[in-house]
């Protein structure tokens, strides 16, 4: 499968000299392109778990919340590596290994229920409001993205930076040089240009 691997090769360091505190909630907004639904992405970290929620809104009316796609995982900080950051600058990033425990989709409005049932999203034809369905290993028909299966590991990198009293979070770019995070050997070495903002309580 795409995200699981027995490859335990190392990039820079196999054990972190320091660590990164990810606890809290981080978010970013993906703007609509070519009529695609607007998506907000929220990452919520505890000391050992990560919940990633991709909230999809109607392209014709961003006030209509169609669907949530939720990725639950445990994670561990497994070292550091030298990564390419903004404008080609080199920086130290932390290696984050995420093991998926659940991948679900949940309609959040009647419009979301109707549209999901109309297209038989993920091969499911009986979507119900606020009822989650397991979509692990399935394909998103809109984006052609194949979702991981439970137990798969994403080999990622993270970089946290301070802006005054607040922080931003950069994660690995899994679309460059074939480094899709499906194994330790294909862990991203570029940080994504889009930052997640810290959600301050």
N, C-alpha and C. Protein backbone atom coordinates (compact mmCIF):
# COMPACT_ATOMS: atom_id res chain seq x y z
N UNK A 1 0.84 -1.18 0.00
CA UNK A 1 0.00 0.00 0.00
C UNK A 1 0.89 1.24 0.00
N UNK A 2 0.29 2.38 -0.33
CA UNK A 2 1.07 3.58 -0.60
C UNK A 2 1.84 4.08 0.61
N UNK A 3 1.22 4.04 1.80
CA UNK A 3 1.82 4.72 2.93
C UNK A 3 2.57 3.80 3.90
N UNK A 4 2.59 2.49 3.65
CA UNK A 4 3.26 1.61 4.59
C UNK A 4 4.58 1.13 4.02
N UNK A 5 5.57 0.97 4.90
CA UNK A 5 6.88 0.58 4.42
C UNK A 5 7.68 -0.04 5.55
N UNK A 6 8.55 -0.94 5.17
CA UNK A 6 9.48 -1.53 6.14
C UNK A 6 10.85 -0.88 6.04
N UNK A 7 10.97 0.17 5.24
CA UNK A 7 12.24 0.85 5.04
C UNK A 7 12.54 1.72 6.24
N UNK A 8 13.62 1.44 6.97
CA UNK A 8 13.97 2.20 8.15
C UNK A 8 15.25 2.98 7.96
N UNK A 9 15.59 3.32 6.71
CA UNK A 9 16.81 4.08 6.47
C UNK A 9 16.69 5.47 7.07
N UNK A 10 17.84 6.11 7.35
CA UNK A 10 17.86 7.37 8.05
C UNK A 10 18.27 8.50 7.13
N UNK A 11 17.76 9.72 7.42
CA UNK A 11 18.11 10.89 6.62
C UNK A 11 19.32 11.59 7.25
N UNK A 12 19.10 12.31 8.35
CA UNK A 12 20.19 12.99 9.05
C UNK A 12 20.44 12.31 10.39
N UNK A 13 19.47 12.44 11.29
CA UNK A 13 19.64 11.86 12.61
C UNK A 13 18.48 10.92 12.90
N UNK A 14 18.75 9.82 13.57
CA UNK A 14 17.72 8.84 13.86
C UNK A 14 17.05 9.10 15.19
N UNK A 15 17.61 9.97 16.01
CA UNK A 15 16.97 10.33 17.27
C UNK A 15 17.12 11.83 17.46
N UNK A 16 16.02 12.51 17.81
CA UNK A 16 16.07 13.96 17.89
C UNK A 16 16.92 14.47 19.04
N UNK A 17 17.81 15.43 18.75
CA UNK A 17 18.59 16.08 19.80
C UNK A 17 17.69 16.99 20.61
N UNK A 18 16.64 17.47 19.99
CA UNK A 18 15.63 18.27 20.66
C UNK A 18 14.29 17.77 20.17
N UNK A 19 13.23 18.42 20.59
CA UNK A 19 11.92 17.97 20.13
C UNK A 19 11.10 19.19 19.74
N UNK A 20 9.93 18.94 19.24
CA UNK A 20 9.03 20.00 18.79
C UNK A 20 7.70 19.82 19.51
N UNK A 21 7.19 20.89 20.05
CA UNK A 21 5.90 20.86 20.75
C UNK A 21 4.81 21.25 19.75
N UNK A 22 4.01 20.27 19.35
CA UNK A 22 2.96 20.50 18.36
C UNK A 22 1.59 20.68 18.98
N UNK A 23 1.47 20.52 20.29
CA UNK A 23 0.17 20.52 20.94
C UNK A 23 -0.59 21.81 20.66
N UNK A 24 -1.88 21.65 20.36
CA UNK A 24 -2.71 22.79 20.01
C UNK A 24 -3.41 22.55 18.70
N UNK A 25 -4.01 23.61 18.16
CA UNK A 25 -4.75 23.52 16.91
C UNK A 25 -4.18 24.50 15.90
N UNK A 26 -4.02 24.02 14.67
CA UNK A 26 -3.44 24.79 13.57
C UNK A 26 -4.40 24.72 12.39
N UNK A 27 -4.46 25.80 11.60
CA UNK A 27 -5.42 25.78 10.50
C UNK A 27 -4.89 26.56 9.29
N UNK A 28 -5.41 26.21 8.13
CA UNK A 28 -5.16 26.95 6.89
C UNK A 28 -6.38 26.81 6.00
N UNK A 29 -6.49 27.73 5.04
CA UNK A 29 -7.63 27.73 4.12
C UNK A 29 -7.10 27.53 2.71
N UNK A 30 -7.71 26.60 1.97
CA UNK A 30 -7.39 26.38 0.56
C UNK A 30 -8.45 27.09 -0.26
N UNK A 31 -8.04 28.04 -1.08
CA UNK A 31 -9.00 28.79 -1.86
C UNK A 31 -9.49 27.98 -3.06
N UNK A 32 -10.66 28.34 -3.55
CA UNK A 32 -11.27 27.63 -4.67
C UNK A 32 -10.48 27.85 -5.95
N UNK A 33 -10.26 26.78 -6.69
CA UNK A 33 -9.57 26.85 -7.98
C UNK A 33 -10.40 26.09 -9.01
N UNK A 34 -10.76 26.78 -10.07
CA UNK A 34 -11.50 26.12 -11.15
C UNK A 34 -12.84 25.57 -10.70
N UNK A 35 -13.46 26.24 -9.73
CA UNK A 35 -14.77 25.79 -9.27
C UNK A 35 -14.72 24.70 -8.24
N UNK A 36 -13.53 24.29 -7.83
CA UNK A 36 -13.41 23.24 -6.80
C UNK A 36 -13.90 23.77 -5.46
N UNK A 37 -14.44 22.90 -4.61
CA UNK A 37 -14.93 23.35 -3.30
C UNK A 37 -13.82 23.99 -2.48
N UNK A 38 -14.19 24.99 -1.70
CA UNK A 38 -13.26 25.61 -0.78
C UNK A 38 -13.06 24.67 0.40
N UNK A 39 -11.81 24.53 0.83
CA UNK A 39 -11.47 23.59 1.89
C UNK A 39 -10.70 24.31 2.99
N UNK A 40 -11.08 24.08 4.23
CA UNK A 40 -10.27 24.50 5.36
C UNK A 40 -9.68 23.24 5.99
N UNK A 41 -8.42 23.33 6.41
CA UNK A 41 -7.73 22.19 7.01
C UNK A 41 -7.33 22.55 8.43
N UNK A 42 -7.72 21.71 9.37
CA UNK A 42 -7.39 21.93 10.78
C UNK A 42 -6.59 20.73 11.30
N UNK A 43 -5.48 21.03 11.94
CA UNK A 43 -4.65 20.01 12.58
C UNK A 43 -4.72 20.22 14.09
N UNK A 44 -5.14 19.20 14.82
CA UNK A 44 -5.19 19.28 16.27
C UNK A 44 -4.28 18.21 16.85
N UNK A 45 -3.28 18.66 17.61
CA UNK A 45 -2.29 17.74 18.19
C UNK A 45 -2.43 17.68 19.70
N UNK A 46 -2.35 16.45 20.23
CA UNK A 46 -2.05 16.25 21.64
C UNK A 46 -0.59 15.84 21.69
N UNK A 47 -0.15 15.32 22.82
CA UNK A 47 1.24 14.89 22.94
C UNK A 47 1.54 13.67 22.07
N UNK A 48 0.51 12.89 21.71
CA UNK A 48 0.75 11.64 20.98
C UNK A 48 -0.18 11.43 19.79
N UNK A 49 -1.20 12.26 19.61
CA UNK A 49 -2.16 12.05 18.54
C UNK A 49 -2.32 13.28 17.67
N UNK A 50 -2.76 13.04 16.45
CA UNK A 50 -3.06 14.13 15.52
C UNK A 50 -4.42 13.86 14.87
N UNK A 51 -5.25 14.90 14.83
CA UNK A 51 -6.52 14.84 14.10
C UNK A 51 -6.48 15.89 13.00
N UNK A 52 -6.53 15.44 11.76
CA UNK A 52 -6.56 16.34 10.61
C UNK A 52 -7.98 16.33 10.04
N UNK A 53 -8.61 17.50 9.97
CA UNK A 53 -9.96 17.62 9.45
C UNK A 53 -9.94 18.52 8.22
N UNK A 54 -10.37 17.97 7.09
CA UNK A 54 -10.52 18.74 5.87
C UNK A 54 -12.01 19.03 5.70
N UNK A 55 -12.39 20.28 5.89
CA UNK A 55 -13.80 20.69 5.79
C UNK A 55 -14.05 21.27 4.41
N UNK A 56 -15.00 20.67 3.69
CA UNK A 56 -15.28 21.04 2.30
C UNK A 56 -16.56 21.87 2.26
N UNK A 57 -16.48 23.03 1.57
CA UNK A 57 -17.62 23.93 1.46
C UNK A 57 -18.05 24.04 -0.01
N UNK A 58 -19.32 24.41 -0.21
CA UNK A 58 -19.86 24.50 -1.56
C UNK A 58 -19.19 25.64 -2.32
N UNK A 59 -18.71 25.39 -3.56
CA UNK A 59 -18.04 26.44 -4.32
C UNK A 59 -18.98 27.57 -4.70
N UNK A 60 -20.28 27.27 -4.78
CA UNK A 60 -21.26 28.30 -5.13
C UNK A 60 -21.75 29.08 -3.92
N UNK A 61 -21.48 28.56 -2.72
CA UNK A 61 -21.89 29.23 -1.49
C UNK A 61 -21.03 28.73 -0.34
N UNK A 62 -19.94 29.44 -0.02
CA UNK A 62 -19.02 28.98 1.03
C UNK A 62 -19.64 28.87 2.42
N UNK A 63 -20.87 29.36 2.58
CA UNK A 63 -21.53 29.21 3.88
C UNK A 63 -22.10 27.82 4.07
N UNK A 64 -22.17 27.03 2.98
CA UNK A 64 -22.71 25.66 3.06
C UNK A 64 -21.57 24.68 3.30
N UNK A 65 -21.59 24.07 4.45
CA UNK A 65 -20.57 23.10 4.87
C UNK A 65 -21.01 21.72 4.38
N UNK A 66 -20.34 21.22 3.36
CA UNK A 66 -20.77 19.96 2.75
C UNK A 66 -20.30 18.73 3.50
N UNK A 67 -19.01 18.66 3.78
CA UNK A 67 -18.42 17.38 4.21
C UNK A 67 -17.17 17.62 5.03
N UNK A 68 -16.95 16.78 6.02
CA UNK A 68 -15.68 16.72 6.75
C UNK A 68 -14.99 15.40 6.43
N UNK A 69 -13.71 15.46 6.07
CA UNK A 69 -12.89 14.27 5.95
C UNK A 69 -11.88 14.31 7.08
N UNK A 70 -11.89 13.29 7.92
CA UNK A 70 -11.12 13.29 9.17
C UNK A 70 -10.10 12.16 9.17
N UNK A 71 -8.84 12.53 9.43
CA UNK A 71 -7.74 11.58 9.52
C UNK A 71 -7.26 11.56 10.98
N UNK A 72 -7.43 10.43 11.63
CA UNK A 72 -6.93 10.26 13.01
C UNK A 72 -5.63 9.46 12.96
N UNK A 73 -4.64 9.89 13.75
CA UNK A 73 -3.37 9.16 13.77
C UNK A 73 -2.68 9.35 15.10
N UNK A 74 -1.78 8.43 15.40
CA UNK A 74 -0.80 8.65 16.45
C UNK A 74 0.49 9.10 15.76
N UNK A 75 1.38 9.73 16.51
CA UNK A 75 2.61 10.18 15.87
C UNK A 75 3.78 10.13 16.85
N UNK A 76 4.97 10.15 16.26
CA UNK A 76 6.20 10.20 17.05
C UNK A 76 7.19 11.09 16.33
N UNK A 77 7.98 11.84 17.11
CA UNK A 77 9.09 12.63 16.56
C UNK A 77 10.30 11.71 16.53
N UNK A 78 10.85 11.48 15.34
CA UNK A 78 11.88 10.44 15.19
C UNK A 78 13.25 10.98 14.78
N UNK A 79 13.41 12.29 14.75
CA UNK A 79 14.72 12.84 14.40
C UNK A 79 14.59 14.17 13.71
N UNK A 80 15.67 14.60 13.07
CA UNK A 80 15.68 15.84 12.32
C UNK A 80 16.33 15.61 10.96
N UNK A 81 16.08 16.54 10.06
CA UNK A 81 16.78 16.53 8.77
C UNK A 81 16.89 17.97 8.27
N UNK A 82 17.78 18.16 7.32
CA UNK A 82 17.93 19.46 6.69
C UNK A 82 16.96 19.55 5.53
N UNK A 83 16.05 20.53 5.57
CA UNK A 83 15.00 20.65 4.57
C UNK A 83 15.10 21.99 3.85
N UNK A 84 14.53 22.01 2.64
CA UNK A 84 14.46 23.24 1.87
C UNK A 84 13.20 24.00 2.27
N UNK A 85 13.39 25.26 2.66
CA UNK A 85 12.28 26.09 3.16
C UNK A 85 11.95 27.14 2.11
N UNK A 86 11.26 28.18 2.50
CA UNK A 86 10.87 29.24 1.61
C UNK A 86 12.07 29.86 0.90
N UNK A 87 11.89 30.16 -0.38
CA UNK A 87 12.90 30.82 -1.20
C UNK A 87 14.21 30.04 -1.28
N UNK A 88 14.13 28.71 -1.07
CA UNK A 88 15.31 27.87 -1.19
C UNK A 88 16.22 27.86 0.01
N UNK A 89 15.82 28.52 1.09
CA UNK A 89 16.64 28.53 2.31
C UNK A 89 16.64 27.15 2.96
N UNK A 90 17.78 26.74 3.47
CA UNK A 90 17.89 25.45 4.15
C UNK A 90 17.62 25.64 5.65
N UNK A 91 16.94 24.68 6.25
CA UNK A 91 16.58 24.78 7.65
C UNK A 91 16.49 23.38 8.25
N UNK A 92 16.47 23.31 9.56
CA UNK A 92 16.30 22.03 10.26
C UNK A 92 14.82 21.79 10.52
N UNK A 93 14.33 20.64 10.09
CA UNK A 93 12.94 20.25 10.32
C UNK A 93 12.92 18.96 11.14
N UNK A 94 11.81 18.74 11.80
CA UNK A 94 11.65 17.52 12.60
C UNK A 94 10.93 16.45 11.79
N UNK A 95 11.41 15.23 11.90
CA UNK A 95 10.77 14.09 11.26
C UNK A 95 9.60 13.63 12.12
N UNK A 96 8.42 13.57 11.51
CA UNK A 96 7.19 13.18 12.20
C UNK A 96 6.62 11.95 11.51
N UNK A 97 6.51 10.85 12.24
CA UNK A 97 5.95 9.62 11.70
C UNK A 97 4.53 9.44 12.25
N UNK A 98 3.55 9.45 11.33
CA UNK A 98 2.14 9.35 11.73
C UNK A 98 1.58 7.99 11.31
N UNK A 99 0.99 7.29 12.26
CA UNK A 99 0.34 6.01 12.00
C UNK A 99 -1.17 6.20 12.05
N UNK A 100 -1.82 5.96 10.92
CA UNK A 100 -3.26 6.23 10.83
C UNK A 100 -4.07 5.22 11.63
N UNK A 101 -5.05 5.75 12.37
CA UNK A 101 -5.94 4.90 13.16
C UNK A 101 -7.38 4.96 12.67
N UNK A 102 -7.71 5.99 11.86
CA UNK A 102 -9.07 6.12 11.35
C UNK A 102 -9.09 7.16 10.24
N UNK A 103 -9.84 6.88 9.16
CA UNK A 103 -10.08 7.85 8.10
C UNK A 103 -11.57 7.78 7.78
N UNK A 104 -12.28 8.90 7.99
CA UNK A 104 -13.73 8.90 7.82
C UNK A 104 -14.19 10.14 7.05
N UNK A 105 -15.39 10.05 6.49
CA UNK A 105 -16.05 11.20 5.88
C UNK A 105 -17.41 11.36 6.53
N UNK A 106 -17.80 12.63 6.75
CA UNK A 106 -19.05 12.92 7.46
C UNK A 106 -19.79 14.08 6.78
N UNK A 107 -20.97 13.85 6.21
CA UNK A 107 -21.76 14.96 5.67
C UNK A 107 -22.18 15.91 6.80
N UNK A 108 -22.05 17.22 6.55
CA UNK A 108 -22.33 18.20 7.61
C UNK A 108 -23.55 19.06 7.30
N UNK A 109 -24.24 18.79 6.22
CA UNK A 109 -25.46 19.52 5.87
C UNK A 109 -26.30 18.63 4.98
N UNK A 110 -27.58 19.02 4.81
CA UNK A 110 -28.45 18.26 3.91
C UNK A 110 -27.92 18.32 2.48
N UNK A 111 -27.32 19.45 2.11
CA UNK A 111 -26.71 19.56 0.78
C UNK A 111 -25.56 18.59 0.63
N UNK A 112 -24.80 18.40 1.71
CA UNK A 112 -23.70 17.44 1.68
C UNK A 112 -24.19 16.02 1.56
N UNK A 113 -25.29 15.71 2.24
CA UNK A 113 -25.89 14.37 2.14
C UNK A 113 -26.36 14.13 0.70
N UNK A 114 -27.07 15.10 0.14
CA UNK A 114 -27.62 14.92 -1.20
C UNK A 114 -26.53 14.77 -2.24
N UNK A 115 -25.52 15.66 -2.19
CA UNK A 115 -24.46 15.59 -3.20
C UNK A 115 -23.66 14.30 -3.07
N UNK A 116 -23.41 13.84 -1.84
CA UNK A 116 -22.67 12.59 -1.64
C UNK A 116 -23.45 11.39 -2.16
N UNK A 117 -24.76 11.38 -1.93
CA UNK A 117 -25.58 10.28 -2.42
C UNK A 117 -25.78 10.34 -3.93
N UNK A 118 -25.86 11.57 -4.47
CA UNK A 118 -26.07 11.72 -5.92
C UNK A 118 -24.90 11.12 -6.71
N UNK A 119 -23.69 11.32 -6.21
CA UNK A 119 -22.50 10.83 -6.94
C UNK A 119 -22.00 9.50 -6.39
N UNK A 120 -22.72 8.96 -5.38
CA UNK A 120 -22.30 7.73 -4.71
C UNK A 120 -20.83 7.87 -4.29
N UNK A 121 -20.57 8.91 -3.50
CA UNK A 121 -19.20 9.23 -3.08
C UNK A 121 -18.55 8.06 -2.37
N UNK A 122 -17.34 7.75 -2.78
CA UNK A 122 -16.55 6.65 -2.20
C UNK A 122 -17.29 5.31 -2.31
N UNK A 123 -18.20 5.21 -3.27
CA UNK A 123 -18.94 3.97 -3.47
C UNK A 123 -20.04 3.73 -2.45
N UNK A 124 -20.35 4.77 -1.67
CA UNK A 124 -21.37 4.66 -0.62
C UNK A 124 -22.61 5.43 -1.07
N UNK A 125 -23.79 4.81 -0.98
CA UNK A 125 -25.00 5.43 -1.50
C UNK A 125 -26.03 5.78 -0.43
N UNK A 126 -25.71 5.55 0.83
CA UNK A 126 -26.68 5.80 1.90
C UNK A 126 -26.12 6.76 2.95
N UNK A 127 -25.51 7.87 2.48
CA UNK A 127 -24.98 8.87 3.40
C UNK A 127 -26.10 9.49 4.23
N UNK A 128 -25.77 9.77 5.50
CA UNK A 128 -26.73 10.41 6.40
C UNK A 128 -26.05 11.55 7.13
N UNK A 129 -26.84 12.55 7.51
CA UNK A 129 -26.33 13.75 8.15
C UNK A 129 -25.57 13.42 9.43
N UNK A 130 -24.34 13.93 9.52
CA UNK A 130 -23.48 13.79 10.70
C UNK A 130 -23.15 12.34 11.06
N UNK A 131 -23.33 11.43 10.10
CA UNK A 131 -22.95 10.03 10.32
C UNK A 131 -21.67 9.74 9.55
N UNK A 132 -20.64 9.34 10.26
CA UNK A 132 -19.33 9.11 9.66
C UNK A 132 -19.28 7.75 8.99
N UNK A 133 -18.58 7.71 7.84
CA UNK A 133 -18.37 6.47 7.11
C UNK A 133 -16.86 6.24 6.95
N UNK A 134 -16.46 5.01 7.09
CA UNK A 134 -15.05 4.64 6.93
C UNK A 134 -14.67 4.73 5.45
N UNK A 135 -13.65 5.55 5.13
CA UNK A 135 -13.21 5.67 3.74
C UNK A 135 -11.73 5.30 3.59
N UNK A 136 -11.19 4.59 4.56
CA UNK A 136 -9.79 4.20 4.49
C UNK A 136 -9.54 3.34 3.25
N UNK A 137 -8.47 3.66 2.53
CA UNK A 137 -8.11 2.92 1.33
C UNK A 137 -8.92 3.27 0.10
N UNK A 138 -9.87 4.20 0.22
CA UNK A 138 -10.72 4.53 -0.91
C UNK A 138 -10.15 5.72 -1.70
N UNK A 139 -10.76 6.00 -2.86
CA UNK A 139 -10.30 7.06 -3.74
C UNK A 139 -11.30 8.21 -3.76
N UNK A 140 -10.81 9.44 -3.64
CA UNK A 140 -11.63 10.63 -3.77
C UNK A 140 -11.85 10.89 -5.26
N UNK A 141 -13.09 10.76 -5.72
CA UNK A 141 -13.38 10.89 -7.14
C UNK A 141 -13.07 12.28 -7.67
N UNK A 142 -13.20 13.31 -6.82
CA UNK A 142 -12.97 14.68 -7.25
C UNK A 142 -11.50 14.99 -7.45
N UNK A 143 -10.64 14.43 -6.60
CA UNK A 143 -9.22 14.77 -6.63
C UNK A 143 -8.34 13.61 -7.08
N UNK A 144 -8.91 12.41 -7.20
CA UNK A 144 -8.17 11.18 -7.52
C UNK A 144 -7.19 10.79 -6.41
N UNK A 145 -7.31 11.42 -5.25
CA UNK A 145 -6.44 11.08 -4.12
C UNK A 145 -6.86 9.74 -3.52
N UNK A 146 -5.87 8.84 -3.34
CA UNK A 146 -6.13 7.56 -2.69
C UNK A 146 -5.81 7.73 -1.20
N UNK A 147 -6.81 7.51 -0.37
CA UNK A 147 -6.62 7.70 1.06
C UNK A 147 -5.90 6.52 1.69
N UNK A 148 -5.14 6.78 2.75
CA UNK A 148 -4.41 5.69 3.40
C UNK A 148 -5.35 4.71 4.08
N UNK A 149 -4.80 3.56 4.41
CA UNK A 149 -5.53 2.57 5.18
C UNK A 149 -5.10 2.65 6.63
N UNK A 150 -5.96 2.16 7.51
CA UNK A 150 -5.61 2.11 8.93
C UNK A 150 -4.35 1.28 9.11
N UNK A 151 -3.39 1.82 9.85
CA UNK A 151 -2.11 1.15 10.06
C UNK A 151 -1.01 1.67 9.17
N UNK A 152 -1.37 2.35 8.08
CA UNK A 152 -0.36 2.95 7.21
C UNK A 152 0.37 4.07 7.94
N UNK A 153 1.61 4.32 7.52
CA UNK A 153 2.44 5.35 8.15
C UNK A 153 2.76 6.44 7.13
N UNK A 154 2.58 7.69 7.54
CA UNK A 154 3.02 8.83 6.75
C UNK A 154 4.31 9.35 7.36
N UNK A 155 5.37 9.38 6.56
CA UNK A 155 6.68 9.86 7.01
C UNK A 155 6.78 11.33 6.59
N UNK A 156 6.58 12.23 7.55
CA UNK A 156 6.44 13.65 7.26
C UNK A 156 7.56 14.45 7.92
N UNK A 157 7.57 15.76 7.68
CA UNK A 157 8.45 16.68 8.39
C UNK A 157 7.64 17.90 8.81
N UNK A 158 8.02 18.50 9.94
CA UNK A 158 7.35 19.69 10.44
C UNK A 158 8.39 20.73 10.87
N UNK A 159 8.01 21.99 10.73
CA UNK A 159 8.84 23.11 11.18
C UNK A 159 7.92 24.14 11.81
N UNK A 160 8.19 24.51 13.05
CA UNK A 160 7.39 25.52 13.74
C UNK A 160 8.22 26.79 13.89
N UNK A 161 7.61 27.93 13.54
CA UNK A 161 8.31 29.21 13.62
C UNK A 161 7.46 30.21 14.38
N UNK A 162 8.13 31.09 15.10
CA UNK A 162 7.42 32.10 15.88
C UNK A 162 7.32 33.40 15.11
N UNK A 163 6.16 34.02 15.23
CA UNK A 163 5.93 35.37 14.72
C UNK A 163 5.37 36.17 15.88
N UNK A 164 6.26 36.91 16.54
CA UNK A 164 5.86 37.57 17.77
C UNK A 164 5.55 36.53 18.83
N UNK A 165 4.35 36.60 19.39
CA UNK A 165 3.94 35.65 20.42
C UNK A 165 3.17 34.47 19.83
N UNK A 166 2.96 34.47 18.52
CA UNK A 166 2.23 33.38 17.88
C UNK A 166 3.18 32.55 17.02
N UNK A 167 2.68 31.38 16.62
CA UNK A 167 3.50 30.46 15.83
C UNK A 167 2.80 30.10 14.52
N UNK A 168 3.60 29.73 13.56
CA UNK A 168 3.10 29.13 12.33
C UNK A 168 3.75 27.76 12.19
N UNK A 169 3.07 26.87 11.49
CA UNK A 169 3.55 25.50 11.32
C UNK A 169 3.65 25.17 9.84
N UNK A 170 4.80 24.67 9.42
CA UNK A 170 5.01 24.20 8.06
C UNK A 170 5.13 22.68 8.08
N UNK A 171 4.50 22.01 7.12
CA UNK A 171 4.61 20.56 7.03
C UNK A 171 5.29 20.19 5.71
N UNK A 172 5.56 18.92 5.51
CA UNK A 172 6.28 18.49 4.32
C UNK A 172 5.47 18.63 3.05
N UNK A 173 6.17 18.97 1.97
CA UNK A 173 5.55 19.02 0.64
C UNK A 173 5.73 17.64 -0.01
N UNK A 174 4.63 16.93 -0.19
CA UNK A 174 4.68 15.55 -0.68
C UNK A 174 4.50 15.46 -2.19
N UNK A 175 4.68 16.57 -2.90
CA UNK A 175 4.49 16.57 -4.35
C UNK A 175 5.78 16.85 -5.12
N UNK A 176 6.91 16.94 -4.43
CA UNK A 176 8.18 17.29 -5.09
C UNK A 176 9.12 16.08 -5.11
N UNK A 177 9.73 15.83 -6.27
CA UNK A 177 10.78 14.82 -6.43
C UNK A 177 10.34 13.41 -6.02
N UNK A 178 9.05 13.14 -6.06
CA UNK A 178 8.57 11.80 -5.72
C UNK A 178 8.61 11.49 -4.24
N UNK A 179 8.93 12.48 -3.42
CA UNK A 179 9.00 12.26 -1.97
C UNK A 179 7.60 12.42 -1.37
N UNK A 180 6.81 11.33 -1.47
CA UNK A 180 5.41 11.40 -1.09
C UNK A 180 5.14 10.97 0.35
N UNK A 181 6.19 10.65 1.11
CA UNK A 181 6.02 10.28 2.50
C UNK A 181 5.55 8.85 2.71
N UNK A 182 5.58 8.04 1.66
CA UNK A 182 5.12 6.66 1.79
C UNK A 182 6.14 5.75 2.46
N UNK A 183 7.38 6.22 2.61
CA UNK A 183 8.42 5.46 3.30
C UNK A 183 9.42 6.44 3.88
N UNK A 184 10.29 5.93 4.75
CA UNK A 184 11.33 6.80 5.29
C UNK A 184 12.25 7.30 4.18
N UNK A 185 12.47 6.47 3.17
CA UNK A 185 13.35 6.85 2.07
C UNK A 185 12.72 7.93 1.18
N UNK A 186 11.39 8.02 1.19
CA UNK A 186 10.72 9.03 0.38
C UNK A 186 10.05 10.10 1.25
N UNK A 187 10.63 10.31 2.42
CA UNK A 187 10.16 11.39 3.29
C UNK A 187 10.40 12.73 2.59
N UNK A 188 9.47 13.69 2.69
CA UNK A 188 9.69 14.99 2.04
C UNK A 188 10.96 15.66 2.55
N UNK A 189 11.62 16.37 1.65
CA UNK A 189 12.78 17.18 2.03
C UNK A 189 12.52 18.66 1.77
N UNK A 190 11.33 18.97 1.25
CA UNK A 190 10.89 20.34 1.07
C UNK A 190 9.72 20.61 2.01
N UNK A 191 9.71 21.79 2.61
CA UNK A 191 8.56 22.22 3.40
C UNK A 191 7.56 22.91 2.50
N UNK A 192 6.28 22.72 2.80
CA UNK A 192 5.23 23.35 2.02
C UNK A 192 5.30 24.86 2.18
N UNK A 193 5.01 25.58 1.09
CA UNK A 193 5.04 27.04 1.17
C UNK A 193 3.87 27.62 1.92
N UNK A 194 2.81 26.85 2.10
CA UNK A 194 1.63 27.33 2.81
C UNK A 194 1.72 26.96 4.28
N UNK A 195 1.64 27.96 5.14
CA UNK A 195 1.79 27.74 6.57
C UNK A 195 0.43 27.55 7.24
N UNK A 196 0.43 26.79 8.33
CA UNK A 196 -0.74 26.68 9.20
C UNK A 196 -0.60 27.71 10.31
N UNK A 197 -1.66 28.45 10.57
CA UNK A 197 -1.64 29.44 11.64
C UNK A 197 -2.08 28.79 12.94
N UNK A 198 -1.49 29.25 14.03
CA UNK A 198 -1.88 28.74 15.34
C UNK A 198 -3.24 29.31 15.72
N UNK A 199 -4.13 28.45 16.17
CA UNK A 199 -5.43 28.89 16.64
C UNK A 199 -5.31 29.23 18.11
N UNK A 200 -5.28 30.50 18.39
CA UNK A 200 -5.06 30.97 19.76
C UNK A 200 -6.37 30.92 20.53
N UNK A 201 -6.30 30.35 21.71
CA UNK A 201 -7.51 30.24 22.54
C UNK A 201 -7.90 31.61 23.09
